[in-house]
């Protein structure tokens, strides 16, 4: 049987927003949204949360969610998401299957989004899938400031029509799917065959400071009005 795992990384050491992963967002811990989306999708063999914080671990166990005790190294400020993911896979002795890593601060993820992206991931034969948001203006027309003077980064595109430039995207910061075997071989989440799963920019909101948090709550209210 091909296992389909969900993993939610939730360390407790956020400095810019203390206790970010368990802080109340619109009335409930923000990590609860990721847990609820994974559970409601009904596509996962198991749901795991990797954390170094007792408060988060207790919340997860009360929801009958498996808890992985993250090491101090993987909970440090410099640990990459690939290092966190590899530690979990090694500790759980998982070498193949499909895994979806869902960020703990992703209240805009829902079950339908997970199910649709999973179908696209499986049918495409991709090594990984990444939700992305389209830049609203071509980045090929970006500028830089040197000594206060504006310059085109790619001056050859100064007079190229916007519609003639290829679309560009950035990571939506929601979740990603991976082929476990391919990940363990490469050690990277962004692999040679990474599929883009485009989402609306309303679903994308970095939450790195108090202003971001307020903006995310405002977006959530707008999206769920009525």
N, C-alpha and C. Protein backbone atom coordinates (compact mmCIF):
# COMPACT_ATOMS: atom_id res chain seq x y z
N UNK A 1 0.84 -1.20 0.00
CA UNK A 1 0.00 0.00 0.00
C UNK A 1 0.88 1.25 0.00
N UNK A 2 0.60 2.17 -0.91
CA UNK A 2 1.36 3.41 -1.00
C UNK A 2 0.85 4.39 0.05
N UNK A 3 1.69 4.70 1.02
CA UNK A 3 1.27 5.60 2.08
C UNK A 3 1.21 7.04 1.59
N UNK A 4 0.21 7.75 2.07
CA UNK A 4 0.06 9.18 1.77
C UNK A 4 0.07 9.90 3.11
N UNK A 5 1.17 10.56 3.41
CA UNK A 5 1.36 11.18 4.71
C UNK A 5 1.23 12.69 4.64
N UNK A 6 0.71 13.28 5.71
CA UNK A 6 0.72 14.73 5.89
C UNK A 6 1.68 15.05 7.02
N UNK A 7 2.49 16.07 6.83
CA UNK A 7 3.41 16.51 7.87
C UNK A 7 3.27 18.01 8.07
N UNK A 8 3.06 18.42 9.30
CA UNK A 8 2.95 19.84 9.63
C UNK A 8 4.11 20.19 10.56
N UNK A 9 5.10 20.95 10.08
CA UNK A 9 6.22 21.35 10.95
C UNK A 9 5.82 22.55 11.80
N UNK A 10 6.05 22.45 13.10
CA UNK A 10 5.58 23.52 14.00
C UNK A 10 6.54 23.69 15.17
N UNK A 11 7.65 24.32 14.93
CA UNK A 11 8.60 24.55 16.02
C UNK A 11 8.07 25.67 16.92
N UNK A 12 8.62 25.76 18.12
CA UNK A 12 8.11 26.73 19.08
C UNK A 12 8.95 27.97 19.24
N UNK A 13 10.01 28.12 18.42
CA UNK A 13 10.97 29.19 18.67
C UNK A 13 10.86 30.43 17.83
N UNK A 14 9.68 30.75 17.32
CA UNK A 14 9.54 31.96 16.50
C UNK A 14 9.85 33.20 17.33
N UNK A 15 10.71 34.07 16.80
CA UNK A 15 11.12 35.27 17.54
C UNK A 15 10.28 36.49 17.17
N UNK A 16 9.92 36.62 15.90
CA UNK A 16 9.19 37.82 15.47
C UNK A 16 7.74 37.80 15.95
N UNK A 17 7.14 36.61 16.01
CA UNK A 17 5.80 36.45 16.58
C UNK A 17 5.88 35.30 17.58
N UNK A 18 6.16 35.59 18.84
CA UNK A 18 6.31 34.53 19.85
C UNK A 18 5.09 33.61 19.89
N UNK A 19 5.36 32.31 19.90
CA UNK A 19 4.28 31.33 19.97
C UNK A 19 3.40 31.31 18.74
N UNK A 20 3.97 31.70 17.59
CA UNK A 20 3.18 31.90 16.38
C UNK A 20 2.35 30.67 15.99
N UNK A 21 2.93 29.49 16.04
CA UNK A 21 2.25 28.31 15.52
C UNK A 21 1.04 27.86 16.35
N UNK A 22 0.97 28.32 17.60
CA UNK A 22 -0.19 27.96 18.43
C UNK A 22 -1.02 29.18 18.84
N UNK A 23 -0.65 30.34 18.34
CA UNK A 23 -1.38 31.56 18.66
C UNK A 23 -2.80 31.52 18.06
N UNK A 24 -3.74 32.12 18.75
CA UNK A 24 -5.12 32.12 18.28
C UNK A 24 -5.27 33.00 17.04
N UNK A 25 -5.84 32.42 16.00
CA UNK A 25 -6.12 33.11 14.76
C UNK A 25 -7.62 32.98 14.51
N UNK A 26 -8.34 34.08 14.57
CA UNK A 26 -9.79 34.05 14.40
C UNK A 26 -10.45 33.05 15.36
N UNK A 27 -9.92 33.00 16.58
CA UNK A 27 -10.57 32.21 17.62
C UNK A 27 -10.03 30.83 17.89
N UNK A 28 -9.09 30.34 17.06
CA UNK A 28 -8.52 29.02 17.35
C UNK A 28 -7.05 29.00 16.95
N UNK A 29 -6.25 28.10 17.54
CA UNK A 29 -4.82 28.06 17.22
C UNK A 29 -4.61 27.96 15.72
N UNK A 30 -3.67 28.73 15.20
CA UNK A 30 -3.52 28.80 13.75
C UNK A 30 -3.15 27.45 13.16
N UNK A 31 -2.42 26.63 13.90
CA UNK A 31 -2.06 25.30 13.38
C UNK A 31 -3.29 24.42 13.19
N UNK A 32 -4.36 24.74 13.92
CA UNK A 32 -5.59 23.95 13.84
C UNK A 32 -6.17 23.97 12.43
N UNK A 33 -5.99 25.06 11.71
CA UNK A 33 -6.51 25.16 10.34
C UNK A 33 -5.84 24.13 9.43
N UNK A 34 -4.52 23.97 9.59
CA UNK A 34 -3.79 22.99 8.78
C UNK A 34 -4.21 21.57 9.15
N UNK A 35 -4.36 21.32 10.45
CA UNK A 35 -4.80 20.00 10.92
C UNK A 35 -6.19 19.69 10.38
N UNK A 36 -7.09 20.65 10.48
CA UNK A 36 -8.47 20.45 10.04
C UNK A 36 -8.55 20.19 8.54
N UNK A 37 -7.75 20.93 7.76
CA UNK A 37 -7.76 20.76 6.31
C UNK A 37 -7.26 19.36 5.93
N UNK A 38 -6.19 18.93 6.58
CA UNK A 38 -5.64 17.60 6.30
C UNK A 38 -6.64 16.51 6.68
N UNK A 39 -7.28 16.65 7.82
CA UNK A 39 -8.25 15.65 8.29
C UNK A 39 -9.46 15.62 7.37
N UNK A 40 -9.98 16.79 7.01
CA UNK A 40 -11.20 16.86 6.20
C UNK A 40 -10.98 16.35 4.77
N UNK A 41 -9.75 16.37 4.29
CA UNK A 41 -9.48 15.91 2.93
C UNK A 41 -9.67 14.40 2.79
N UNK A 42 -9.48 13.67 3.89
CA UNK A 42 -9.65 12.21 3.93
C UNK A 42 -8.78 11.49 2.91
N UNK A 43 -7.60 12.03 2.64
CA UNK A 43 -6.71 11.37 1.69
C UNK A 43 -5.42 10.86 2.34
N UNK A 44 -5.22 11.16 3.62
CA UNK A 44 -3.96 10.81 4.25
C UNK A 44 -4.04 9.54 5.08
N UNK A 45 -3.00 8.71 4.94
CA UNK A 45 -2.87 7.51 5.76
C UNK A 45 -2.64 7.90 7.21
N UNK A 46 -1.76 8.88 7.41
CA UNK A 46 -1.44 9.39 8.75
C UNK A 46 -1.16 10.89 8.65
N UNK A 47 -1.43 11.59 9.75
CA UNK A 47 -1.11 13.02 9.85
C UNK A 47 -0.14 13.18 11.01
N UNK A 48 1.00 13.81 10.73
CA UNK A 48 2.04 14.02 11.73
C UNK A 48 2.31 15.51 11.91
N UNK A 49 2.63 15.87 13.14
CA UNK A 49 3.13 17.21 13.44
C UNK A 49 4.51 17.05 14.06
N UNK A 50 5.48 17.76 13.51
CA UNK A 50 6.84 17.73 14.04
C UNK A 50 7.05 19.00 14.85
N UNK A 51 7.29 18.84 16.16
CA UNK A 51 7.40 20.02 17.03
C UNK A 51 8.36 19.77 18.18
N UNK A 52 8.84 20.87 18.74
CA UNK A 52 9.68 20.81 19.93
C UNK A 52 8.97 21.47 21.10
N UNK A 53 7.70 21.78 20.95
CA UNK A 53 6.96 22.53 21.97
C UNK A 53 5.86 21.67 22.58
N UNK A 54 5.85 21.56 23.91
CA UNK A 54 4.88 20.72 24.60
C UNK A 54 3.44 21.16 24.35
N UNK A 55 3.21 22.47 24.31
CA UNK A 55 1.86 22.98 24.11
C UNK A 55 1.27 22.50 22.77
N UNK A 56 2.10 22.54 21.74
CA UNK A 56 1.65 22.10 20.42
C UNK A 56 1.45 20.59 20.42
N UNK A 57 2.37 19.87 21.04
CA UNK A 57 2.25 18.40 21.10
C UNK A 57 0.97 17.98 21.81
N UNK A 58 0.63 18.65 22.90
CA UNK A 58 -0.59 18.31 23.64
C UNK A 58 -1.84 18.59 22.81
N UNK A 59 -1.84 19.70 22.08
CA UNK A 59 -2.96 20.02 21.21
C UNK A 59 -3.15 18.94 20.16
N UNK A 60 -2.05 18.50 19.57
CA UNK A 60 -2.13 17.49 18.51
C UNK A 60 -2.61 16.15 19.05
N UNK A 61 -2.11 15.77 20.20
CA UNK A 61 -2.53 14.48 20.76
C UNK A 61 -4.01 14.50 21.13
N UNK A 62 -4.52 15.66 21.54
CA UNK A 62 -5.94 15.76 21.85
C UNK A 62 -6.79 15.61 20.60
N UNK A 63 -6.18 15.88 19.43
CA UNK A 63 -6.87 15.74 18.15
C UNK A 63 -6.56 14.39 17.51
N UNK A 64 -5.84 13.53 18.27
CA UNK A 64 -5.42 12.20 17.77
C UNK A 64 -4.51 12.32 16.54
N UNK A 65 -3.66 13.35 16.57
CA UNK A 65 -2.66 13.56 15.53
C UNK A 65 -1.32 13.05 16.05
N UNK A 66 -0.59 12.32 15.21
CA UNK A 66 0.72 11.80 15.62
C UNK A 66 1.71 12.94 15.83
N UNK A 67 2.56 12.80 16.83
CA UNK A 67 3.54 13.85 17.15
C UNK A 67 4.95 13.30 16.99
N UNK A 68 5.76 14.01 16.24
CA UNK A 68 7.19 13.71 16.10
C UNK A 68 7.96 14.72 16.94
N UNK A 69 8.82 14.23 17.81
CA UNK A 69 9.63 15.10 18.67
C UNK A 69 10.83 15.62 17.88
N UNK A 70 10.76 16.87 17.53
CA UNK A 70 11.83 17.45 16.71
C UNK A 70 13.09 17.68 17.53
N UNK A 71 14.23 17.41 16.93
CA UNK A 71 15.50 17.60 17.62
C UNK A 71 15.82 19.09 17.74
N UNK A 72 16.75 19.41 18.63
CA UNK A 72 17.17 20.80 18.80
C UNK A 72 17.79 21.34 17.51
N UNK A 73 18.53 20.48 16.80
CA UNK A 73 19.16 20.92 15.55
C UNK A 73 18.11 21.29 14.51
N UNK A 74 17.08 20.46 14.40
CA UNK A 74 16.04 20.71 13.38
C UNK A 74 15.09 21.83 13.80
N UNK A 75 15.16 22.23 15.08
CA UNK A 75 14.30 23.31 15.58
C UNK A 75 15.04 24.65 15.63
N UNK A 76 16.27 24.68 15.15
CA UNK A 76 17.05 25.91 15.22
C UNK A 76 16.58 26.89 14.15
N UNK A 77 17.02 28.15 14.29
CA UNK A 77 16.64 29.20 13.34
C UNK A 77 17.20 28.96 11.94
N UNK A 78 18.29 28.18 11.86
CA UNK A 78 18.97 28.01 10.57
C UNK A 78 18.60 26.69 9.88
N UNK A 79 17.82 25.87 10.54
CA UNK A 79 17.43 24.58 9.94
C UNK A 79 16.52 24.82 8.73
N UNK A 80 16.79 24.13 7.65
CA UNK A 80 15.96 24.26 6.45
C UNK A 80 14.78 23.31 6.52
N UNK A 81 13.78 23.57 5.69
CA UNK A 81 12.61 22.69 5.67
C UNK A 81 13.00 21.31 5.17
N UNK A 82 13.99 21.23 4.29
CA UNK A 82 14.46 19.93 3.81
C UNK A 82 15.10 19.13 4.95
N UNK A 83 15.83 19.80 5.83
CA UNK A 83 16.45 19.12 6.97
C UNK A 83 15.39 18.61 7.94
N UNK A 84 14.35 19.40 8.17
CA UNK A 84 13.26 18.99 9.04
C UNK A 84 12.55 17.77 8.45
N UNK A 85 12.28 17.84 7.17
CA UNK A 85 11.59 16.75 6.49
C UNK A 85 12.42 15.47 6.51
N UNK A 86 13.70 15.59 6.24
CA UNK A 86 14.56 14.41 6.23
C UNK A 86 14.62 13.76 7.61
N UNK A 87 14.70 14.58 8.67
CA UNK A 87 14.75 14.03 10.02
C UNK A 87 13.50 13.20 10.32
N UNK A 88 12.34 13.70 9.95
CA UNK A 88 11.09 12.99 10.20
C UNK A 88 11.08 11.66 9.44
N UNK A 89 11.45 11.70 8.16
CA UNK A 89 11.43 10.48 7.35
C UNK A 89 12.40 9.43 7.88
N UNK A 90 13.57 9.87 8.31
CA UNK A 90 14.56 8.94 8.87
C UNK A 90 14.08 8.36 10.19
N UNK A 91 13.57 9.23 11.07
CA UNK A 91 13.11 8.77 12.38
C UNK A 91 11.93 7.81 12.26
N UNK A 92 11.06 8.03 11.28
CA UNK A 92 9.88 7.17 11.10
C UNK A 92 10.17 6.00 10.17
N UNK A 93 11.40 5.93 9.67
CA UNK A 93 11.82 4.84 8.78
C UNK A 93 10.92 4.76 7.54
N UNK A 94 10.69 5.92 6.94
CA UNK A 94 9.87 6.01 5.73
C UNK A 94 10.78 6.27 4.54
N UNK A 95 10.71 5.40 3.54
CA UNK A 95 11.61 5.51 2.39
C UNK A 95 10.89 5.69 1.07
N UNK A 96 9.60 5.54 1.06
CA UNK A 96 8.85 5.71 -0.18
C UNK A 96 7.42 6.12 0.14
N UNK A 97 6.68 6.46 -0.89
CA UNK A 97 5.31 6.93 -0.69
C UNK A 97 5.18 8.39 -1.09
N UNK A 98 4.09 9.00 -0.69
CA UNK A 98 3.78 10.38 -1.03
C UNK A 98 3.58 11.18 0.25
N UNK A 99 4.12 12.37 0.30
CA UNK A 99 4.02 13.20 1.50
C UNK A 99 3.62 14.62 1.12
N UNK A 100 2.74 15.17 1.92
CA UNK A 100 2.36 16.57 1.77
C UNK A 100 2.79 17.32 3.02
N UNK A 101 3.69 18.27 2.87
CA UNK A 101 4.09 19.11 3.98
C UNK A 101 3.20 20.36 3.96
N UNK A 102 2.45 20.54 5.05
CA UNK A 102 1.53 21.67 5.16
C UNK A 102 2.07 22.61 6.23
N UNK A 103 2.25 23.86 5.89
CA UNK A 103 2.80 24.80 6.86
C UNK A 103 1.81 25.04 8.00
N UNK A 104 2.35 25.28 9.18
CA UNK A 104 1.50 25.45 10.37
C UNK A 104 0.76 26.78 10.36
N UNK A 105 1.27 27.74 9.62
CA UNK A 105 0.62 29.06 9.53
C UNK A 105 0.04 29.24 8.13
N UNK A 106 -0.89 28.36 7.77
CA UNK A 106 -1.51 28.40 6.44
C UNK A 106 -3.02 28.25 6.58
N UNK A 107 -3.68 29.26 7.18
CA UNK A 107 -5.12 29.14 7.44
C UNK A 107 -5.98 29.16 6.18
N UNK A 108 -5.38 29.44 5.02
CA UNK A 108 -6.15 29.49 3.78
C UNK A 108 -6.19 28.15 3.05
N UNK A 109 -5.43 27.18 3.53
CA UNK A 109 -5.47 25.84 2.94
C UNK A 109 -6.77 25.16 3.35
N UNK A 110 -7.42 24.51 2.40
CA UNK A 110 -8.62 23.75 2.74
C UNK A 110 -8.56 22.37 2.11
N UNK A 111 -9.53 21.54 2.45
CA UNK A 111 -9.54 20.15 1.99
C UNK A 111 -9.62 20.06 0.48
N UNK A 112 -10.44 20.90 -0.15
CA UNK A 112 -10.59 20.86 -1.61
C UNK A 112 -9.28 21.18 -2.31
N UNK A 113 -8.54 22.14 -1.78
CA UNK A 113 -7.25 22.50 -2.37
C UNK A 113 -6.27 21.34 -2.29
N UNK A 114 -6.27 20.66 -1.15
CA UNK A 114 -5.38 19.50 -0.98
C UNK A 114 -5.77 18.37 -1.93
N UNK A 115 -7.06 18.11 -2.05
CA UNK A 115 -7.51 17.01 -2.92
C UNK A 115 -7.21 17.30 -4.38
N UNK A 116 -7.48 18.53 -4.82
CA UNK A 116 -7.24 18.88 -6.22
C UNK A 116 -5.75 18.83 -6.54
N UNK A 117 -4.92 19.38 -5.67
CA UNK A 117 -3.48 19.38 -5.92
C UNK A 117 -2.91 17.96 -5.89
N UNK A 118 -3.46 17.11 -5.03
CA UNK A 118 -3.00 15.72 -4.98
C UNK A 118 -3.31 15.01 -6.30
N UNK A 119 -4.52 15.20 -6.83
CA UNK A 119 -4.87 14.57 -8.10
C UNK A 119 -3.93 15.02 -9.21
N UNK A 120 -3.64 16.32 -9.25
CA UNK A 120 -2.74 16.83 -10.28
C UNK A 120 -1.32 16.28 -10.10
N UNK A 121 -0.89 16.17 -8.86
CA UNK A 121 0.44 15.65 -8.58
C UNK A 121 0.58 14.20 -9.05
N UNK A 122 -0.41 13.38 -8.71
CA UNK A 122 -0.36 11.96 -9.05
C UNK A 122 -0.43 11.75 -10.55
N UNK A 123 -1.35 12.42 -11.21
CA UNK A 123 -1.54 12.19 -12.65
C UNK A 123 -0.39 12.76 -13.48
N UNK A 124 0.34 13.73 -12.95
CA UNK A 124 1.42 14.37 -13.71
C UNK A 124 2.71 13.56 -13.71
N UNK A 125 2.89 12.71 -12.71
CA UNK A 125 4.15 11.99 -12.57
C UNK A 125 5.28 12.88 -12.08
N UNK A 126 4.94 14.00 -11.47
CA UNK A 126 5.96 14.95 -10.98
C UNK A 126 6.69 14.39 -9.76
N UNK A 127 7.87 14.96 -9.51
CA UNK A 127 8.63 14.61 -8.29
C UNK A 127 8.09 15.40 -7.10
N UNK A 128 7.62 16.62 -7.36
CA UNK A 128 7.04 17.44 -6.31
C UNK A 128 6.06 18.42 -6.93
N UNK A 129 5.21 18.98 -6.09
CA UNK A 129 4.23 19.99 -6.54
C UNK A 129 4.27 21.15 -5.57
N UNK A 130 4.25 22.36 -6.12
CA UNK A 130 4.35 23.56 -5.30
C UNK A 130 3.25 24.54 -5.66
N UNK A 131 2.41 24.95 -4.70
CA UNK A 131 1.43 26.01 -4.97
C UNK A 131 2.16 27.33 -5.21
N UNK A 132 1.77 28.02 -6.27
CA UNK A 132 2.44 29.28 -6.62
C UNK A 132 1.41 30.35 -6.92
N UNK A 133 1.86 31.60 -6.82
CA UNK A 133 1.03 32.76 -7.14
C UNK A 133 1.71 33.52 -8.27
N UNK A 134 0.92 33.94 -9.24
CA UNK A 134 1.44 34.67 -10.39
C UNK A 134 1.75 36.12 -9.99
N UNK A 135 2.93 36.61 -10.36
CA UNK A 135 3.24 38.02 -10.16
C UNK A 135 2.27 38.86 -10.99
N UNK A 136 1.72 39.89 -10.38
CA UNK A 136 0.74 40.72 -11.08
C UNK A 136 1.36 41.59 -12.15
N UNK A 137 2.68 41.83 -12.06
CA UNK A 137 3.38 42.63 -13.07
C UNK A 137 4.65 41.88 -13.46
N UNK A 138 5.03 41.86 -14.72
CA UNK A 138 6.20 41.09 -15.16
C UNK A 138 7.47 41.48 -14.41
N UNK A 139 8.12 40.49 -13.80
CA UNK A 139 9.35 40.79 -13.07
C UNK A 139 10.49 41.13 -14.03
N UNK A 140 10.31 40.82 -15.32
CA UNK A 140 11.34 41.18 -16.31
C UNK A 140 11.43 42.69 -16.49
N UNK A 141 10.43 43.41 -15.97
CA UNK A 141 10.44 44.88 -16.04
C UNK A 141 10.84 45.50 -14.69
N UNK A 142 11.43 44.68 -13.82
CA UNK A 142 11.82 45.17 -12.49
C UNK A 142 12.97 46.18 -12.59
N UNK A 143 13.04 47.04 -11.57
CA UNK A 143 14.10 48.05 -11.50
C UNK A 143 14.88 47.90 -10.20
N UNK A 144 16.06 48.50 -10.18
CA UNK A 144 16.87 48.56 -8.97
C UNK A 144 17.33 50.00 -8.78
N UNK A 145 17.71 50.32 -7.55
CA UNK A 145 18.20 51.66 -7.25
C UNK A 145 19.66 51.59 -6.86
N UNK A 146 20.47 52.30 -7.58
CA UNK A 146 21.91 52.38 -7.28
C UNK A 146 22.28 53.83 -7.05
N UNK A 147 22.71 54.13 -5.83
CA UNK A 147 23.05 55.50 -5.44
C UNK A 147 21.88 56.45 -5.66
N UNK A 148 20.67 55.91 -5.49
CA UNK A 148 19.48 56.73 -5.63
C UNK A 148 18.92 56.83 -7.03
N UNK A 149 19.64 56.27 -8.02
CA UNK A 149 19.20 56.36 -9.42
C UNK A 149 18.60 55.03 -9.86
N UNK A 150 17.43 55.11 -10.50
CA UNK A 150 16.75 53.91 -10.97
C UNK A 150 17.39 53.36 -12.23
N UNK A 151 17.51 52.04 -12.26
CA UNK A 151 18.02 51.35 -13.44
C UNK A 151 17.17 50.11 -13.68
N UNK A 152 16.99 49.75 -14.94
CA UNK A 152 16.33 48.50 -15.27
C UNK A 152 17.29 47.35 -14.98
N UNK A 153 16.78 46.30 -14.35
CA UNK A 153 17.62 45.12 -14.12
C UNK A 153 17.84 44.38 -15.44
N UNK A 154 16.80 44.36 -16.28
CA UNK A 154 16.91 43.77 -17.61
C UNK A 154 16.50 44.85 -18.64
N UNK A 155 17.41 45.75 -18.97
CA UNK A 155 17.07 46.89 -19.83
C UNK A 155 16.54 46.48 -21.20
N UNK A 156 16.86 45.26 -21.62
CA UNK A 156 16.38 44.81 -22.93
C UNK A 156 14.86 44.65 -22.96
N UNK A 157 14.23 44.64 -21.76
CA UNK A 157 12.78 44.47 -21.68
C UNK A 157 12.04 45.79 -21.45
N UNK A 158 12.75 46.90 -21.51
CA UNK A 158 12.14 48.20 -21.24
C UNK A 158 10.92 48.47 -22.11
N UNK A 159 10.99 48.12 -23.37
CA UNK A 159 9.90 48.46 -24.29
C UNK A 159 9.13 47.23 -24.78
N UNK A 160 9.36 46.10 -24.10
CA UNK A 160 8.61 44.89 -24.46
C UNK A 160 7.23 44.96 -23.81
N UNK A 161 6.20 44.67 -24.57
CA UNK A 161 4.84 44.71 -24.02
C UNK A 161 4.69 43.67 -22.91
N UNK A 162 3.98 44.03 -21.86
CA UNK A 162 3.81 43.13 -20.72
C UNK A 162 3.25 41.78 -21.15
N UNK A 163 2.27 41.81 -22.08
CA UNK A 163 1.63 40.57 -22.49
C UNK A 163 2.55 39.67 -23.32
N UNK A 164 3.68 40.21 -23.76
CA UNK A 164 4.63 39.41 -24.54
C UNK A 164 5.71 38.77 -23.68
N UNK A 165 5.69 39.05 -22.40
CA UNK A 165 6.67 38.47 -21.48
C UNK A 165 6.06 37.26 -20.78
N UNK A 166 6.86 36.22 -20.56
CA UNK A 166 6.31 35.01 -19.90
C UNK A 166 5.92 35.30 -18.46
N UNK A 167 4.87 34.62 -18.01
CA UNK A 167 4.41 34.79 -16.63
C UNK A 167 5.47 34.28 -15.66
N UNK A 168 5.54 34.93 -14.51
CA UNK A 168 6.46 34.52 -13.44
C UNK A 168 5.65 34.26 -12.18
N UNK A 169 6.18 33.40 -11.33
CA UNK A 169 5.45 32.96 -10.15
C UNK A 169 6.35 32.99 -8.91
N UNK A 170 5.72 33.01 -7.74
CA UNK A 170 6.47 32.85 -6.49
C UNK A 170 5.74 31.86 -5.60
N UNK A 171 6.48 31.28 -4.67
CA UNK A 171 5.94 30.28 -3.75
C UNK A 171 4.80 30.89 -2.93
N UNK A 172 3.68 30.19 -2.85
CA UNK A 172 2.53 30.69 -2.09
C UNK A 172 2.68 30.45 -0.60
N UNK A 173 3.63 29.62 -0.18
CA UNK A 173 3.86 29.38 1.25
C UNK A 173 2.71 28.65 1.92
N UNK A 174 2.12 27.68 1.24
CA UNK A 174 0.96 26.95 1.79
C UNK A 174 1.31 25.51 2.14
N UNK A 175 1.80 24.77 1.16
CA UNK A 175 2.14 23.36 1.34
C UNK A 175 2.94 22.92 0.12
N UNK A 176 3.39 21.69 0.12
CA UNK A 176 3.93 21.10 -1.10
C UNK A 176 3.83 19.58 -1.00
N UNK A 177 3.74 18.96 -2.16
CA UNK A 177 3.71 17.51 -2.26
C UNK A 177 5.07 17.02 -2.73
N UNK A 178 5.49 15.86 -2.23
CA UNK A 178 6.74 15.27 -2.71
C UNK A 178 6.59 13.76 -2.87
N UNK A 179 7.35 13.25 -3.81
CA UNK A 179 7.61 11.82 -3.91
C UNK A 179 8.74 11.53 -2.93
N UNK A 180 8.47 10.76 -1.89
CA UNK A 180 9.45 10.55 -0.82
C UNK A 180 10.76 9.99 -1.33
N UNK A 181 10.68 8.98 -2.19
CA UNK A 181 11.89 8.35 -2.70
C UNK A 181 12.74 9.34 -3.48
N UNK A 182 12.10 10.15 -4.31
CA UNK A 182 12.84 11.15 -5.09
C UNK A 182 13.46 12.21 -4.19
N UNK A 183 12.73 12.59 -3.13
CA UNK A 183 13.27 13.59 -2.20
C UNK A 183 14.52 13.06 -1.50
N UNK A 184 14.45 11.82 -1.02
CA UNK A 184 15.59 11.25 -0.29
C UNK A 184 16.80 11.10 -1.21
N UNK A 185 16.56 10.90 -2.49
CA UNK A 185 17.67 10.78 -3.44
C UNK A 185 18.32 12.14 -3.70
N UNK A 186 17.49 13.18 -3.80
CA UNK A 186 18.01 14.50 -4.17
C UNK A 186 18.34 15.38 -2.97
N UNK A 187 17.59 15.17 -1.86
CA UNK A 187 17.76 16.03 -0.70
C UNK A 187 17.14 17.40 -0.87
N UNK A 188 16.34 17.55 -1.93
CA UNK A 188 15.75 18.85 -2.23
C UNK A 188 14.24 18.71 -2.41
N UNK A 189 13.52 19.75 -2.02
CA UNK A 189 12.08 19.80 -2.25
C UNK A 189 11.78 20.27 -3.67
N UNK A 190 12.55 21.26 -4.12
CA UNK A 190 12.40 21.78 -5.48
C UNK A 190 13.27 20.93 -6.40
N UNK A 191 12.64 19.99 -7.09
CA UNK A 191 13.38 19.02 -7.89
C UNK A 191 13.24 19.32 -9.38
N UNK A 192 13.84 18.45 -10.21
CA UNK A 192 13.83 18.69 -11.65
C UNK A 192 12.42 18.70 -12.22
N UNK A 193 11.56 17.85 -11.66
CA UNK A 193 10.18 17.77 -12.15
C UNK A 193 9.22 18.27 -11.06
N UNK A 194 9.24 19.59 -10.84
CA UNK A 194 8.35 20.21 -9.85
C UNK A 194 7.19 20.86 -10.59
N UNK A 195 5.99 20.45 -10.25
CA UNK A 195 4.79 20.94 -10.93
C UNK A 195 4.25 22.18 -10.24
N UNK A 196 3.85 23.17 -11.04
CA UNK A 196 3.24 24.38 -10.49
C UNK A 196 1.75 24.16 -10.30
N UNK A 197 1.26 24.55 -9.12
CA UNK A 197 -0.18 24.50 -8.82
C UNK A 197 -0.58 25.94 -8.51
N UNK A 198 -1.15 26.62 -9.50
CA UNK A 198 -1.41 28.05 -9.35
C UNK A 198 -2.63 28.31 -8.48
N UNK A 199 -2.48 29.24 -7.52
CA UNK A 199 -3.59 29.65 -6.66
C UNK A 199 -3.73 31.16 -6.73
N UNK A 200 -4.90 31.64 -6.36
CA UNK A 200 -5.16 33.07 -6.34
C UNK A 200 -4.34 33.74 -5.24
N UNK A 201 -3.92 34.98 -5.48
CA UNK A 201 -3.10 35.68 -4.49
C UNK A 201 -3.81 35.92 -3.17
N UNK A 202 -5.14 35.81 -3.13
CA UNK A 202 -5.85 35.94 -1.86
C UNK A 202 -5.49 34.84 -0.88
N UNK A 203 -5.02 33.71 -1.41
CA UNK A 203 -4.67 32.59 -0.54
C UNK A 203 -3.24 32.68 -0.02
N UNK A 204 -2.54 33.70 -0.44
CA UNK A 204 -1.12 33.84 -0.10
C UNK A 204 -0.90 35.01 0.85
N UNK A 205 -0.29 34.73 2.00
CA UNK A 205 0.01 35.79 2.95
C UNK A 205 1.14 35.35 3.87
N UNK A 206 2.31 35.95 3.70
CA UNK A 206 3.40 35.70 4.66
C UNK A 206 2.95 36.20 6.03
N UNK A 207 3.27 35.44 7.06
CA UNK A 207 2.92 35.86 8.43
C UNK A 207 4.21 35.89 9.24
N UNK A 208 4.93 37.00 9.11
CA UNK A 208 6.23 37.14 9.76
C UNK A 208 6.26 38.22 10.84
N UNK A 209 5.21 39.05 10.89
CA UNK A 209 5.17 40.10 11.91
C UNK A 209 3.70 40.42 12.22
N UNK A 210 3.49 41.36 13.14
CA UNK A 210 2.12 41.66 13.57
C UNK A 210 1.26 42.22 12.43
N UNK A 211 1.86 43.02 11.57
CA UNK A 211 1.10 43.57 10.44
C UNK A 211 0.65 42.45 9.51
N UNK A 212 1.53 41.48 9.27
CA UNK A 212 1.18 40.33 8.43
C UNK A 212 0.01 39.56 9.05
N UNK A 213 0.07 39.40 10.38
CA UNK A 213 -0.97 38.64 11.08
C UNK A 213 -2.34 39.32 10.89
N UNK A 214 -2.36 40.63 11.07
CA UNK A 214 -3.60 41.38 10.91
C UNK A 214 -4.11 41.31 9.47
N UNK A 215 -3.19 41.38 8.51
CA UNK A 215 -3.57 41.29 7.10
C UNK A 215 -4.17 39.92 6.79
N UNK A 216 -3.58 38.87 7.38
CA UNK A 216 -4.10 37.52 7.16
C UNK A 216 -5.50 37.37 7.73
N UNK A 217 -5.73 37.92 8.92
CA UNK A 217 -7.06 37.84 9.51
C UNK A 217 -8.08 38.61 8.68
N UNK A 218 -7.67 39.76 8.14
CA UNK A 218 -8.57 40.54 7.30
C UNK A 218 -8.93 39.76 6.03
N UNK A 219 -7.93 39.14 5.41
CA UNK A 219 -8.19 38.32 4.23
C UNK A 219 -9.15 37.17 4.57
N UNK A 220 -8.91 36.55 5.71
CA UNK A 220 -9.75 35.42 6.11
C UNK A 220 -11.20 35.87 6.29
N UNK A 221 -11.39 37.03 6.91
CA UNK A 221 -12.74 37.55 7.10
C UNK A 221 -13.43 37.82 5.76
N UNK A 222 -12.68 38.40 4.82
CA UNK A 222 -13.25 38.70 3.51
C UNK A 222 -13.64 37.41 2.79
N UNK A 223 -12.75 36.42 2.85
CA UNK A 223 -12.99 35.16 2.14
C UNK A 223 -14.14 34.36 2.72
N UNK A 224 -14.41 34.56 4.02
CA UNK A 224 -15.46 33.77 4.67
C UNK A 224 -16.67 34.63 5.08
N UNK A 225 -16.76 35.79 4.50
CA UNK A 225 -17.90 36.67 4.81
C UNK A 225 -19.19 36.03 4.31
N UNK A 226 -20.21 36.08 5.16
CA UNK A 226 -21.51 35.55 4.78
C UNK A 226 -21.56 34.05 4.82
